[in-house]
C-alpha atoms as a PDB file:
ATOM      1  CA  UNK A   1       0.000   0.000   0.000  1.00  0.00           C
ATOM      2  CA  UNK A   2       2.888   2.364   0.719  1.00  0.00           C
ATOM      3  CA  UNK A   3       4.408   1.669  -2.691  1.00  0.00           C
ATOM      4  CA  UNK A   4       1.074   2.475  -4.372  1.00  0.00           C
ATOM      5  CA  UNK A   5       0.798   5.738  -2.440  1.00  0.00           C
ATOM      6  CA  UNK A   6       4.412   6.660  -3.246  1.00  0.00           C
ATOM      7  CA  UNK A   7       3.688   6.014  -6.936  1.00  0.00           C
ATOM      8  CA  UNK A   8       0.554   8.141  -6.651  1.00  0.00           C
ATOM      9  CA  UNK A   9       2.557  11.021  -5.149  1.00  0.00           C
ATOM     10  CA  UNK A  10       5.342  10.659  -7.714  1.00  0.00           C
ATOM     11  CA  UNK A  11       2.831  10.762 -10.582  1.00  0.00           C
ATOM     12  CA  UNK A  12       1.178  13.870  -9.151  1.00  0.00           C
ATOM     13  CA  UNK A  13       4.530  15.605  -8.677  1.00  0.00           C
ATOM     14  CA  UNK A  14       5.747  14.623 -12.136  1.00  0.00           C
ATOM     15  CA  UNK A  15       2.642  15.732 -14.001  1.00  0.00           C
ATOM     16  CA  UNK A  16       2.142  18.966 -12.065  1.00  0.00           C
ATOM     17  CA  UNK A  17       5.792  19.904 -12.625  1.00  0.00           C
ATOM     18  CA  UNK A  18       5.248  19.738 -16.385  1.00  0.00           C
ATOM     19  CA  UNK A  19       1.995  21.676 -16.062  1.00  0.00           C
ATOM     20  CA  UNK A  20       3.732  24.400 -14.071  1.00  0.00           C
ATOM     21  CA  UNK A  21       6.767  24.511 -16.366  1.00  0.00           C
ATOM     22  CA  UNK A  22       4.573  25.427 -19.345  1.00  0.00           C
ATOM     23  CA  UNK A  23       4.135  28.938 -17.930  1.00  0.00           C
ATOM     24  CA  UNK A  24       7.867  29.594 -18.261  1.00  0.00           C
ATOM     25  CA  UNK A  25       7.977  29.449 -22.050  1.00  0.00           C
ATOM     26  CA  UNK A  26       7.117  32.187 -24.559  1.00  0.00           C
ATOM     27  CA  UNK A  27       4.002  32.105 -26.700  1.00  0.00           C
ATOM     28  CA  UNK A  28       5.623  30.424 -29.737  1.00  0.00           C
ATOM     29  CA  UNK A  29       7.237  27.558 -27.931  1.00  0.00           C
ATOM     30  CA  UNK A  30       4.474  27.588 -25.333  1.00  0.00           C
ATOM     31  CA  UNK A  31       1.983  26.477 -27.977  1.00  0.00           C
ATOM     32  CA  UNK A  32       4.142  23.501 -28.904  1.00  0.00           C
ATOM     33  CA  UNK A  33       4.721  22.620 -25.259  1.00  0.00           C
ATOM     34  CA  UNK A  34       0.976  22.955 -24.613  1.00  0.00           C
ATOM     35  CA  UNK A  35       0.085  20.632 -27.486  1.00  0.00           C
ATOM     36  CA  UNK A  36       2.524  17.873 -26.685  1.00  0.00           C
ATOM     37  CA  UNK A  37       3.382  18.059 -22.999  1.00  0.00           C
ATOM     38  CA  UNK A  38       0.887  20.028 -20.947  1.00  0.00           C
ATOM     39  CA  UNK A  39      -2.251  18.360 -22.303  1.00  0.00           C
ATOM     40  CA  UNK A  40      -0.825  14.923 -21.551  1.00  0.00           C
ATOM     41  CA  UNK A  41       0.304  16.147 -18.138  1.00  0.00           C
ATOM     42  CA  UNK A  42      -3.178  17.436 -17.322  1.00  0.00           C
ATOM     43  CA  UNK A  43      -4.623  14.093 -18.344  1.00  0.00           C
ATOM     44  CA  UNK A  44      -2.050  12.289 -16.187  1.00  0.00           C
ATOM     45  CA  UNK A  45      -2.713  14.592 -13.227  1.00  0.00           C
ATOM     46  CA  UNK A  46      -6.479  14.097 -13.443  1.00  0.00           C
ATOM     47  CA  UNK A  47      -6.069  10.332 -13.872  1.00  0.00           C
ATOM     48  CA  UNK A  48      -3.754  10.220 -10.842  1.00  0.00           C
ATOM     49  CA  UNK A  49      -6.296  12.190  -8.795  1.00  0.00           C
ATOM     50  CA  UNK A  50      -9.005   9.743  -9.816  1.00  0.00           C
ATOM     51  CA  UNK A  51      -6.704   6.820  -8.978  1.00  0.00           C
ATOM     52  CA  UNK A  52      -5.991   8.312  -5.561  1.00  0.00           C
ATOM     53  CA  UNK A  53      -9.661   8.856  -4.804  1.00  0.00           C
ATOM     54  CA  UNK A  54     -10.495   5.336  -5.956  1.00  0.00           C
ATOM     55  CA  UNK A  55      -7.737   3.475  -4.071  1.00  0.00           C
ATOM     56  CA  UNK A  56      -7.130   5.583  -0.970  1.00  0.00           C
ATOM     57  CA  UNK A  57      -9.346   7.394   1.467  1.00  0.00           C
ATOM     58  CA  UNK A  58     -10.602  10.828   0.505  1.00  0.00           C
ATOM     59  CA  UNK A  59      -8.379  12.413   3.168  1.00  0.00           C
ATOM     60  CA  UNK A  60      -5.203  10.684   1.939  1.00  0.00           C
ATOM     61  CA  UNK A  61      -5.925  11.478  -1.700  1.00  0.00           C
ATOM     62  CA  UNK A  62      -6.663  15.126  -0.920  1.00  0.00           C
ATOM     63  CA  UNK A  63      -3.538  15.337   1.240  1.00  0.00           C
ATOM     64  CA  UNK A  64      -1.415  13.904  -1.589  1.00  0.00           C
ATOM     65  CA  UNK A  65      -2.858  16.285  -4.161  1.00  0.00           C
ATOM     66  CA  UNK A  66      -2.386  19.322  -1.914  1.00  0.00           C
ATOM     67  CA  UNK A  67       1.116  18.235  -0.910  1.00  0.00           C
ATOM     68  CA  UNK A  68       2.238  17.757  -4.503  1.00  0.00           C
ATOM     69  CA  UNK A  69       0.871  21.139  -5.613  1.00  0.00           C
ATOM     70  CA  UNK A  70       2.471  22.913  -2.644  1.00  0.00           C
ATOM     71  CA  UNK A  71       5.842  21.213  -3.177  1.00  0.00           C
ATOM     72  CA  UNK A  72       5.958  22.089  -6.872  1.00  0.00           C
ATOM     73  CA  UNK A  73       4.929  25.702  -6.193  1.00  0.00           C
ATOM     74  CA  UNK A  74       7.618  26.015  -3.498  1.00  0.00           C
ATOM     75  CA  UNK A  75      10.244  24.430  -5.734  1.00  0.00           C
ATOM     76  CA  UNK A  76       9.474  26.814  -8.592  1.00  0.00           C
ATOM     77  CA  UNK A  77       9.518  29.855  -6.295  1.00  0.00           C
ATOM     78  CA  UNK A  78      12.865  28.806  -4.783  1.00  0.00           C
ATOM     79  CA  UNK A  79      14.254  28.144  -8.248  1.00  0.00           C
ATOM     80  CA  UNK A  80      13.094  31.592  -9.377  1.00  0.00           C
ATOM     81  CA  UNK A  81      14.860  33.218  -6.422  1.00  0.00           C
ATOM     82  CA  UNK A  82      18.012  31.220  -7.093  1.00  0.00           C
ATOM     83  CA  UNK A  83      18.115  32.100 -10.789  1.00  0.00           C
ATOM     84  CA  UNK A  84      17.399  35.778 -10.142  1.00  0.00           C
ATOM     85  CA  UNK A  85      20.252  35.906  -7.620  1.00  0.00           C
ATOM     86  CA  UNK A  86      22.641  34.039  -9.937  1.00  0.00           C
ATOM     87  CA  UNK A  87      22.067  36.269 -12.958  1.00  0.00           C
ATOM     88  CA  UNK A  88      22.248  39.944 -12.152  1.00  0.00           C
ATOM     89  CA  UNK A  89      22.118  40.797 -15.857  1.00  0.00           C
ATOM     90  CA  UNK A  90      18.611  39.930 -17.092  1.00  0.00           C
ATOM     91  CA  UNK A  91      19.745  40.155 -20.709  1.00  0.00           C
ATOM     92  CA  UNK A  92      22.050  37.146 -20.231  1.00  0.00           C
ATOM     93  CA  UNK A  93      19.247  35.215 -18.590  1.00  0.00           C
ATOM     94  CA  UNK A  94      16.932  36.039 -21.496  1.00  0.00           C
ATOM     95  CA  UNK A  95      19.516  34.813 -24.028  1.00  0.00           C
ATOM     96  CA  UNK A  96      19.965  31.528 -22.141  1.00  0.00           C
ATOM     97  CA  UNK A  97      16.198  31.055 -21.883  1.00  0.00           C
ATOM     98  CA  UNK A  98      15.736  31.727 -25.597  1.00  0.00           C
ATOM     99  CA  UNK A  99      18.507  29.263 -26.450  1.00  0.00           C
ATOM    100  CA  UNK A 100      16.910  26.554 -24.298  1.00  0.00           C
ATOM    101  CA  UNK A 101      13.487  27.189 -25.844  1.00  0.00           C
ATOM    102  CA  UNK A 102      14.864  26.821 -29.369  1.00  0.00           C
ATOM    103  CA  UNK A 103      16.759  23.717 -28.324  1.00  0.00           C
ATOM    104  CA  UNK A 104      13.519  22.176 -27.010  1.00  0.00           C
ATOM    105  CA  UNK A 105      11.679  23.118 -30.214  1.00  0.00           C
ATOM    106  CA  UNK A 106      14.400  21.508 -32.330  1.00  0.00           C
ATOM    107  CA  UNK A 107      14.391  18.362 -30.187  1.00  0.00           C
ATOM    108  CA  UNK A 108      10.594  17.993 -30.347  1.00  0.00           C
ATOM    109  CA  UNK A 109      10.625  18.654 -34.095  1.00  0.00           C
ATOM    110  CA  UNK A 110      13.363  16.085 -34.589  1.00  0.00           C
ATOM    111  CA  UNK A 111      11.444  13.421 -32.669  1.00  0.00           C
ATOM    112  CA  UNK A 112       8.224  14.173 -34.556  1.00  0.00           C
ATOM    113  CA  UNK A 113       9.660  14.115 -38.060  1.00  0.00           C
ATOM    114  CA  UNK A 114      12.490  11.566 -37.746  1.00  0.00           C
END
């Protein structure tokens, strides 16, 4: 039972992390991320919530859902603080972010077409 609950929590954390990460990207790459990653992550998150409600008590399922959302929100806020402290020049941070976005677009395009 503990292994099932740990898998439930891991699935919630995994899917909500991808849902939350979609807000980081610009509109152009955000559309591609929304089509391929976020929609599947929402489906996975909802399916995991249903699985938790079906297999565990309502209290444990609700606790797992709330805990996963809070942990991901805290992780993203701490990561934002860390990145803002690391890069004093926002222009450099913007260039790195743009490079990573294009790299993700190229990788997704490569896996779709080849």
